[in-house]
């Protein structure tokens, strides 16, 4: 689960970078370009989603690590 969440976080990171770059290519939100504003909203959505996946990946990895240590044979 941690691996899948990590891959999705990386994918959202690429998606965020792409949307942010395209929004700056079309003049940015300061010029009032409708396409730029739409891409900035999509970039923000991808950033928030990516951070959520990253948090889930870290939590799943920590839980998996903890379960591996507790379940290890001979561990006291």
PDB file of N, CA and C in Angstrom:
ATOM      1  N   UNK A   1       0.821  -1.184   0.000  1.00  0.00           N
ATOM      2  CA  UNK A   1       0.000   0.000   0.000  1.00  0.00           C
ATOM      3  C   UNK A   1       0.868   1.251   0.000  1.00  0.00           C
ATOM      4  N   UNK A   2       1.967   1.200   0.774  1.00  0.00           N
ATOM      5  CA  UNK A   2       2.856   2.357   0.832  1.00  0.00           C
ATOM      6  C   UNK A   2       3.482   2.617  -0.534  1.00  0.00           C
ATOM      7  N   UNK A   3       3.816   1.565  -1.247  1.00  0.00           N
ATOM      8  CA  UNK A   3       4.425   1.722  -2.563  1.00  0.00           C
ATOM      9  C   UNK A   3       3.448   2.347  -3.558  1.00  0.00           C
ATOM     10  N   UNK A   4       2.224   1.887  -3.560  1.00  0.00           N
ATOM     11  CA  UNK A   4       1.213   2.435  -4.472  1.00  0.00           C
ATOM     12  C   UNK A   4       0.940   3.902  -4.140  1.00  0.00           C
ATOM     13  N   UNK A   5       0.801   4.221  -2.868  1.00  0.00           N
ATOM     14  CA  UNK A   5       0.564   5.604  -2.469  1.00  0.00           C
ATOM     15  C   UNK A   5       1.758   6.480  -2.822  1.00  0.00           C
ATOM     16  N   UNK A   6       2.965   5.945  -2.690  1.00  0.00           N
ATOM     17  CA  UNK A   6       4.158   6.706  -3.065  1.00  0.00           C
ATOM     18  C   UNK A   6       4.212   6.987  -4.558  1.00  0.00           C
ATOM     19  N   UNK A   7       3.852   5.994  -5.361  1.00  0.00           N
ATOM     20  CA  UNK A   7       3.832   6.189  -6.814  1.00  0.00           C
ATOM     21  C   UNK A   7       2.772   7.212  -7.203  1.00  0.00           C
ATOM     22  N   UNK A   8       1.620   7.157  -6.559  1.00  0.00           N
ATOM     23  CA  UNK A   8       0.568   8.141  -6.846  1.00  0.00           C
ATOM     24  C   UNK A   8       0.983   9.541  -6.410  1.00  0.00           C
ATOM     25  N   UNK A   9       1.732   9.652  -5.304  1.00  0.00           N
ATOM     26  CA  UNK A   9       2.226  10.951  -4.869  1.00  0.00           C
ATOM     27  C   UNK A   9       3.214  11.522  -5.887  1.00  0.00           C
ATOM     28  N   UNK A  10       4.084  10.673  -6.418  1.00  0.00           N
ATOM     29  CA  UNK A  10       5.037  11.125  -7.435  1.00  0.00           C
ATOM     30  C   UNK A  10       4.306  11.548  -8.708  1.00  0.00           C
ATOM     31  N   UNK A  11       3.294  10.781  -9.096  1.00  0.00           N
ATOM     32  CA  UNK A  11       2.518  11.121 -10.288  1.00  0.00           C
ATOM     33  C   UNK A  11       1.817  12.469 -10.114  1.00  0.00           C
ATOM     34  N   UNK A  12       1.259  12.711  -8.934  1.00  0.00           N
ATOM     35  CA  UNK A  12       0.622  14.000  -8.673  1.00  0.00           C
ATOM     36  C   UNK A  12       1.649  15.118  -8.635  1.00  0.00           C
ATOM     37  N   UNK A  13       2.856  14.820  -8.207  1.00  0.00           N
ATOM     38  CA  UNK A  13       3.915  15.835  -8.238  1.00  0.00           C
ATOM     39  C   UNK A  13       4.240  16.249  -9.667  1.00  0.00           C
ATOM     40  N   UNK A  14       4.321  15.289 -10.571  1.00  0.00           N
ATOM     41  CA  UNK A  14       4.541  15.613 -11.982  1.00  0.00           C
ATOM     42  C   UNK A  14       3.357  16.385 -12.553  1.00  0.00           C
ATOM     43  N   UNK A  15       2.146  15.961 -12.164  1.00  0.00           N
ATOM     44  CA  UNK A  15       0.945  16.642 -12.656  1.00  0.00           C
ATOM     45  C   UNK A  15       0.905  18.080 -12.162  1.00  0.00           C
ATOM     46  N   UNK A  16       1.291  18.302 -10.891  1.00  0.00           N
ATOM     47  CA  UNK A  16       1.345  19.657 -10.342  1.00  0.00           C
ATOM     48  C   UNK A  16       2.342  20.510 -11.113  1.00  0.00           C
ATOM     49  N   UNK A  17       3.531  19.977 -11.338  1.00  0.00           N
ATOM     50  CA  UNK A  17       4.547  20.732 -12.061  1.00  0.00           C
ATOM     51  C   UNK A  17       4.114  21.084 -13.470  1.00  0.00           C
ATOM     52  N   UNK A  18       3.469  20.150 -14.138  1.00  0.00           N
ATOM     53  CA  UNK A  18       2.999  20.394 -15.495  1.00  0.00           C
ATOM     54  C   UNK A  18       1.937  21.489 -15.513  1.00  0.00           C
ATOM     55  N   UNK A  19       0.966  21.399 -14.627  1.00  0.00           N
ATOM     56  CA  UNK A  19      -0.103  22.413 -14.600  1.00  0.00           C
ATOM     57  C   UNK A  19       0.448  23.792 -14.217  1.00  0.00           C
ATOM     58  N   UNK A  20       1.372  23.818 -13.274  1.00  0.00           N
ATOM     59  CA  UNK A  20       1.947  25.096 -12.860  1.00  0.00           C
ATOM     60  C   UNK A  20       2.730  25.726 -14.011  1.00  0.00           C
ATOM     61  N   UNK A  21       3.518  24.913 -14.720  1.00  0.00           N
ATOM     62  CA  UNK A  21       4.300  25.427 -15.847  1.00  0.00           C
ATOM     63  C   UNK A  21       3.391  25.960 -16.944  1.00  0.00           C
ATOM     64  N   UNK A  22       2.345  25.226 -17.266  1.00  0.00           N
ATOM     65  CA  UNK A  22       1.429  25.672 -18.317  1.00  0.00           C
ATOM     66  C   UNK A  22       0.729  26.958 -17.901  1.00  0.00           C
ATOM     67  N   UNK A  23       0.388  27.092 -16.621  1.00  0.00           N
ATOM     68  CA  UNK A  23      -0.280  28.317 -16.181  1.00  0.00           C
ATOM     69  C   UNK A  23       0.651  29.516 -16.289  1.00  0.00           C
ATOM     70  N   UNK A  24       1.944  29.338 -16.034  1.00  0.00           N
ATOM     71  CA  UNK A  24       2.876  30.469 -16.184  1.00  0.00           C
ATOM     72  C   UNK A  24       3.168  30.738 -17.655  1.00  0.00           C
ATOM     73  N   UNK A  25       3.064  29.731 -18.493  1.00  0.00           N
ATOM     74  CA  UNK A  25       3.303  29.901 -19.920  1.00  0.00           C
ATOM     75  C   UNK A  25       2.231  30.781 -20.555  1.00  0.00           C
ATOM     76  N   UNK A  26       1.015  30.723 -20.047  1.00  0.00           N
ATOM     77  CA  UNK A  26      -0.081  31.504 -20.602  1.00  0.00           C
ATOM     78  C   UNK A  26      -0.279  32.831 -19.886  1.00  0.00           C
ATOM     79  N   UNK A  27       0.770  33.382 -19.323  1.00  0.00           N
ATOM     80  CA  UNK A  27       0.703  34.720 -18.772  1.00  0.00           C
ATOM     81  C   UNK A  27       0.443  34.784 -17.285  1.00  0.00           C
ATOM     82  N   UNK A  28       0.124  33.697 -16.653  1.00  0.00           N
ATOM     83  CA  UNK A  28      -0.104  33.705 -15.211  1.00  0.00           C
ATOM     84  C   UNK A  28      -1.463  34.276 -14.849  1.00  0.00           C
ATOM     85  N   UNK A  29      -1.797  34.127 -13.601  1.00  0.00           N
ATOM     86  CA  UNK A  29      -3.106  34.582 -13.118  1.00  0.00           C
ATOM     87  C   UNK A  29      -3.164  36.092 -12.992  1.00  0.00           C
ATOM     88  N   UNK A  30      -2.020  36.764 -12.896  1.00  0.00           N
ATOM     89  CA  UNK A  30      -2.014  38.218 -12.724  1.00  0.00           C
ATOM     90  C   UNK A  30      -2.580  38.928 -13.956  1.00  0.00           C
ATOM     91  N   UNK A  31      -2.417  38.330 -15.139  1.00  0.00           N
ATOM     92  CA  UNK A  31      -2.950  38.928 -16.360  1.00  0.00           C
ATOM     93  C   UNK A  31      -4.434  38.649 -16.544  1.00  0.00           C
ATOM     94  N   UNK A  32      -4.978  37.801 -15.724  1.00  0.00           N
ATOM     95  CA  UNK A  32      -6.399  37.508 -15.808  1.00  0.00           C
ATOM     96  C   UNK A  32      -6.766  36.500 -16.872  1.00  0.00           C
ATOM     97  N   UNK A  33      -5.786  35.756 -17.358  1.00  0.00           N
ATOM     98  CA  UNK A  33      -6.071  34.746 -18.374  1.00  0.00           C
ATOM     99  C   UNK A  33      -6.905  33.626 -17.784  1.00  0.00           C
ATOM    100  N   UNK A  34      -8.025  33.352 -18.425  1.00  0.00           N
ATOM    101  CA  UNK A  34      -8.937  32.324 -17.902  1.00  0.00           C
ATOM    102  C   UNK A  34      -8.279  30.950 -17.909  1.00  0.00           C
ATOM    103  N   UNK A  35      -7.504  30.657 -18.946  1.00  0.00           N
ATOM    104  CA  UNK A  35      -6.840  29.362 -19.017  1.00  0.00           C
ATOM    105  C   UNK A  35      -5.774  29.238 -17.932  1.00  0.00           C
ATOM    106  N   UNK A  36      -5.069  30.346 -17.672  1.00  0.00           N
ATOM    107  CA  UNK A  36      -4.037  30.320 -16.635  1.00  0.00           C
ATOM    108  C   UNK A  36      -4.652  30.086 -15.257  1.00  0.00           C
ATOM    109  N   UNK A  37      -5.758  30.732 -14.990  1.00  0.00           N
ATOM    110  CA  UNK A  37      -6.421  30.559 -13.696  1.00  0.00           C
ATOM    111  C   UNK A  37      -6.947  29.134 -13.563  1.00  0.00           C
ATOM    112  N   UNK A  38      -7.508  28.607 -14.645  1.00  0.00           N
ATOM    113  CA  UNK A  38      -8.009  27.230 -14.621  1.00  0.00           C
ATOM    114  C   UNK A  38      -6.870  26.247 -14.349  1.00  0.00           C
ATOM    115  N   UNK A  39      -5.721  26.467 -14.972  1.00  0.00           N
ATOM    116  CA  UNK A  39      -4.573  25.583 -14.759  1.00  0.00           C
ATOM    117  C   UNK A  39      -4.002  25.747 -13.351  1.00  0.00           C
ATOM    118  N   UNK A  40      -4.025  26.948 -12.799  1.00  0.00           N
ATOM    119  CA  UNK A  40      -3.558  27.141 -11.425  1.00  0.00           C
ATOM    120  C   UNK A  40      -4.447  26.416 -10.428  1.00  0.00           C
ATOM    121  N   UNK A  41      -5.740  26.419 -10.670  1.00  0.00           N
ATOM    122  CA  UNK A  41      -6.664  25.678  -9.803  1.00  0.00           C
ATOM    123  C   UNK A  41      -6.373  24.182  -9.900  1.00  0.00           C
ATOM    124  N   UNK A  42      -6.140  23.692 -11.124  1.00  0.00           N
ATOM    125  CA  UNK A  42      -5.810  22.281 -11.300  1.00  0.00           C
ATOM    126  C   UNK A  42      -4.467  21.950 -10.647  1.00  0.00           C
ATOM    127  N   UNK A  43      -3.506  22.885 -10.715  1.00  0.00           N
ATOM    128  CA  UNK A  43      -2.203  22.666 -10.080  1.00  0.00           C
ATOM    129  C   UNK A  43      -2.348  22.581  -8.564  1.00  0.00           C
ATOM    130  N   UNK A  44      -3.156  23.458  -7.997  1.00  0.00           N
ATOM    131  CA  UNK A  44      -3.368  23.428  -6.550  1.00  0.00           C
ATOM    132  C   UNK A  44      -4.044  22.117  -6.133  1.00  0.00           C
ATOM    133  N   UNK A  45      -5.008  21.683  -6.917  1.00  0.00           N
ATOM    134  CA  UNK A  45      -5.686  20.423  -6.624  1.00  0.00           C
ATOM    135  C   UNK A  45      -4.708  19.253  -6.667  1.00  0.00           C
ATOM    136  N   UNK A  46      -3.830  19.235  -7.660  1.00  0.00           N
ATOM    137  CA  UNK A  46      -2.838  18.163  -7.770  1.00  0.00           C
ATOM    138  C   UNK A  46      -1.847  18.215  -6.608  1.00  0.00           C
ATOM    139  N   UNK A  47      -1.476  19.413  -6.189  1.00  0.00           N
ATOM    140  CA  UNK A  47      -0.543  19.554  -5.069  1.00  0.00           C
ATOM    141  C   UNK A  47      -1.151  19.020  -3.776  1.00  0.00           C
ATOM    142  N   UNK A  48      -2.383  19.383  -3.500  1.00  0.00           N
ATOM    143  CA  UNK A  48      -3.054  18.915  -2.284  1.00  0.00           C
ATOM    144  C   UNK A  48      -3.239  17.400  -2.330  1.00  0.00           C
ATOM    145  N   UNK A  49      -3.635  16.891  -3.475  1.00  0.00           N
ATOM    146  CA  UNK A  49      -3.813  15.445  -3.631  1.00  0.00           C
ATOM    147  C   UNK A  49      -2.483  14.714  -3.454  1.00  0.00           C
ATOM    148  N   UNK A  50      -1.420  15.240  -4.040  1.00  0.00           N
ATOM    149  CA  UNK A  50      -0.108  14.625  -3.908  1.00  0.00           C
ATOM    150  C   UNK A  50       0.392  14.611  -2.475  1.00  0.00           C
ATOM    151  N   UNK A  51       0.155  15.692  -1.755  1.00  0.00           N
ATOM    152  CA  UNK A  51       0.557  15.732  -0.347  1.00  0.00           C
ATOM    153  C   UNK A  51      -0.250  14.747   0.487  1.00  0.00           C
ATOM    154  N   UNK A  52      -1.513  14.579   0.143  1.00  0.00           N
ATOM    155  CA  UNK A  52      -2.335  13.579   0.835  1.00  0.00           C
ATOM    156  C   UNK A  52      -1.823  12.173   0.590  1.00  0.00           C
ATOM    157  N   UNK A  53      -1.488  11.861  -0.664  1.00  0.00           N
ATOM    158  CA  UNK A  53      -0.923  10.541  -0.979  1.00  0.00           C
ATOM    159  C   UNK A  53       0.412  10.335  -0.287  1.00  0.00           C
ATOM    160  N   UNK A  54       1.207  11.391  -0.222  1.00  0.00           N
ATOM    161  CA  UNK A  54       2.504  11.283   0.446  1.00  0.00           C
ATOM    162  C   UNK A  54       2.340  10.990   1.936  1.00  0.00           C
ATOM    163  N   UNK A  55       1.406  11.659   2.578  1.00  0.00           N
ATOM    164  CA  UNK A  55       1.137  11.392   4.002  1.00  0.00           C
ATOM    165  C   UNK A  55       0.661   9.956   4.205  1.00  0.00           C
ATOM    166  N   UNK A  56      -0.204   9.483   3.322  1.00  0.00           N
ATOM    167  CA  UNK A  56      -0.676   8.110   3.417  1.00  0.00           C
ATOM    168  C   UNK A  56       0.468   7.119   3.214  1.00  0.00           C
ATOM    169  N   UNK A  57       1.364   7.406   2.271  1.00  0.00           N
ATOM    170  CA  UNK A  57       2.497   6.516   2.022  1.00  0.00           C
ATOM    171  C   UNK A  57       3.417   6.447   3.234  1.00  0.00           C
ATOM    172  N   UNK A  58       3.687   7.585   3.854  1.00  0.00           N
ATOM    173  CA  UNK A  58       4.551   7.605   5.036  1.00  0.00           C
ATOM    174  C   UNK A  58       3.896   6.857   6.193  1.00  0.00           C
ATOM    175  N   UNK A  59       2.604   7.090   6.396  1.00  0.00           N
ATOM    176  CA  UNK A  59       1.900   6.404   7.482  1.00  0.00           C
ATOM    177  C   UNK A  59       1.859   4.891   7.250  1.00  0.00           C
ATOM    178  N   UNK A  60       1.604   4.467   6.013  1.00  0.00           N
ATOM    179  CA  UNK A  60       1.565   3.032   5.716  1.00  0.00           C
ATOM    180  C   UNK A  60       2.946   2.405   5.869  1.00  0.00           C
ATOM    181  N   UNK A  61       3.986   3.119   5.462  1.00  0.00           N
ATOM    182  CA  UNK A  61       5.346   2.591   5.610  1.00  0.00           C
ATOM    183  C   UNK A  61       5.727   2.486   7.091  1.00  0.00           C
ATOM    184  N   UNK A  62       5.358   3.475   7.876  1.00  0.00           N
ATOM    185  CA  UNK A  62       5.662   3.429   9.310  1.00  0.00           C
ATOM    186  C   UNK A  62       4.905   2.290   9.991  1.00  0.00           C
ATOM    187  N   UNK A  63       3.648   2.117   9.630  1.00  0.00           N
ATOM    188  CA  UNK A  63       2.861   1.025  10.197  1.00  0.00           C
ATOM    189  C   UNK A  63       3.427  -0.332   9.776  1.00  0.00           C
ATOM    190  N   UNK A  64       3.782  -0.453   8.512  1.00  0.00           N
ATOM    191  CA  UNK A  64       4.376  -1.693   8.033  1.00  0.00           C
ATOM    192  C   UNK A  64       5.705  -1.994   8.701  1.00  0.00           C
ATOM    193  N   UNK A  65       6.517  -0.955   8.919  1.00  0.00           N
ATOM    194  CA  UNK A  65       7.799  -1.132   9.607  1.00  0.00           C
ATOM    195  C   UNK A  65       7.566  -1.583  11.044  1.00  0.00           C
ATOM    196  N   UNK A  66       6.602  -0.978  11.692  1.00  0.00           N
ATOM    197  CA  UNK A  66       6.299  -1.330  13.085  1.00  0.00           C
ATOM    198  C   UNK A  66       5.792  -2.774  13.170  1.00  0.00           C
ATOM    199  N   UNK A  67       4.937  -3.167  12.256  1.00  0.00           N
ATOM    200  CA  UNK A  67       4.428  -4.543  12.264  1.00  0.00           C
ATOM    201  C   UNK A  67       5.541  -5.535  11.951  1.00  0.00           C
ATOM    202  N   UNK A  68       6.476  -5.171  11.113  1.00  0.00           N
ATOM    203  CA  UNK A  68       7.584  -6.065  10.789  1.00  0.00           C
ATOM    204  C   UNK A  68       8.474  -6.278  11.996  1.00  0.00           C
ATOM    205  N   UNK A  69       8.715  -5.242  12.770  1.00  0.00           N
ATOM    206  CA  UNK A  69       9.561  -5.367  13.959  1.00  0.00           C
ATOM    207  C   UNK A  69       8.857  -6.202  15.021  1.00  0.00           C
ATOM    208  N   UNK A  70       7.587  -5.983  15.234  1.00  0.00           N
ATOM    209  CA  UNK A  70       6.838  -6.708  16.276  1.00  0.00           C
ATOM    210  C   UNK A  70       6.690  -8.175  15.892  1.00  0.00           C
ATOM    211  N   UNK A  71       6.485  -8.464  14.612  1.00  0.00           N
ATOM    212  CA  UNK A  71       6.246  -9.827  14.173  1.00  0.00           C
ATOM    213  C   UNK A  71       7.531 -10.610  13.906  1.00  0.00           C
ATOM    214  N   UNK A  72       8.697  -9.984  14.068  1.00  0.00           N
ATOM    215  CA  UNK A  72       9.958 -10.661  13.774  1.00  0.00           C
ATOM    216  C   UNK A  72      10.185 -11.809  14.772  1.00  0.00           C
ATOM    217  N   UNK A  73      10.589 -12.973  14.270  1.00  0.00           N
ATOM    218  CA  UNK A  73      10.810 -14.107  15.188  1.00  0.00           C
ATOM    219  C   UNK A  73      12.013 -13.828  16.095  1.00  0.00           C
ATOM    220  N   UNK A  74      11.858 -14.175  17.343  1.00  0.00           N
ATOM    221  CA  UNK A  74      12.933 -13.991  18.301  1.00  0.00           C
ATOM    222  C   UNK A  74      13.053 -12.581  18.859  1.00  0.00           C
ATOM    223  N   UNK A  75      12.142 -11.714  18.485  1.00  0.00           N
ATOM    224  CA  UNK A  75      12.189 -10.358  18.985  1.00  0.00           C
ATOM    225  C   UNK A  75      11.560 -10.284  20.365  1.00  0.00           C
ATOM    226  N   UNK A  76      12.241  -9.662  21.294  1.00  0.00           N
ATOM    227  CA  UNK A  76      11.694  -9.548  22.644  1.00  0.00           C
ATOM    228  C   UNK A  76      11.663  -8.109  23.061  1.00  0.00           C
TER     229      UNK A  76
END
